[in-house]
Amino acid sequence: MRLFWLILLLFGGAFGLIRYVQTRPIERPPGVLVARAPLQQPLAPADAPHLEKPGYRFQPVASFELEARVLSKRLYRYDAASVISPVDLALGWGRMSDTDVLRKLKIWQSDRFYFYAWFREPPIPLGEIVTNSANMHLIPANPNIELRLKRLKPGHLVWIKGYLVNVTGPNGFFWRTSTVRTDTGNGACEIVWVADLIVR
């Protein structure tokens, strides 16, 4: 019986170590790691590519490209959008990619929202936090991109290219993307069809 518990303890410890390594944030040096804000270009309906997944239709409203630091990742499995968007990323650029700034913020995600808090005073002006970070609902174009999105950790630097899209689906499902970086609250998230992804 003691051997059983010892084996169980060893397996539990090994599993815990693997889990820790898989989720441990990537360490980055101080300083702005991504200087450029996201780029987007409005699309006329005639220029928009045809995008679809079974049961869902996507209306591209702008081409979209960004490089950013992953601030937080959240996987979704059971909400209405998880079939097409299993991963949300909170992403930062400008001073929201600076390790010194991020150390002074608590960042987390829940219910498709991204939250931040600080002790006493924010490390940079609140308006700069808003315009240099965002929660994005990501729609992978293929299974390979989906797998790589799910493996991301805070601290990774990502380059994403694709489209901002509005989505319609079963049972009256409708998602409208944000197209600006200055909004907050409900409706402020970008909905991104991820056509290409580079991670470093």
Foldseek 3Di string as FASTA:
>chain_A
DVVVVVVVVVVVVVVVVVVCVLAPADDDAFDFPAADDKDKDADDQVRDDFDDDVFKGKRFGIWIKDKWFFAAKDADDDDPCNVFFGIKTKTFGDNRLGPVQSVQWDWDDDPQFIDIDGPPDRPDDPQNVQLGIAIAGEGERDPVVVVVRVSDYGGKIKIFTFGFIWMAGPPGDTQHADPHSRDDDPRDYTYGHTPDMDID
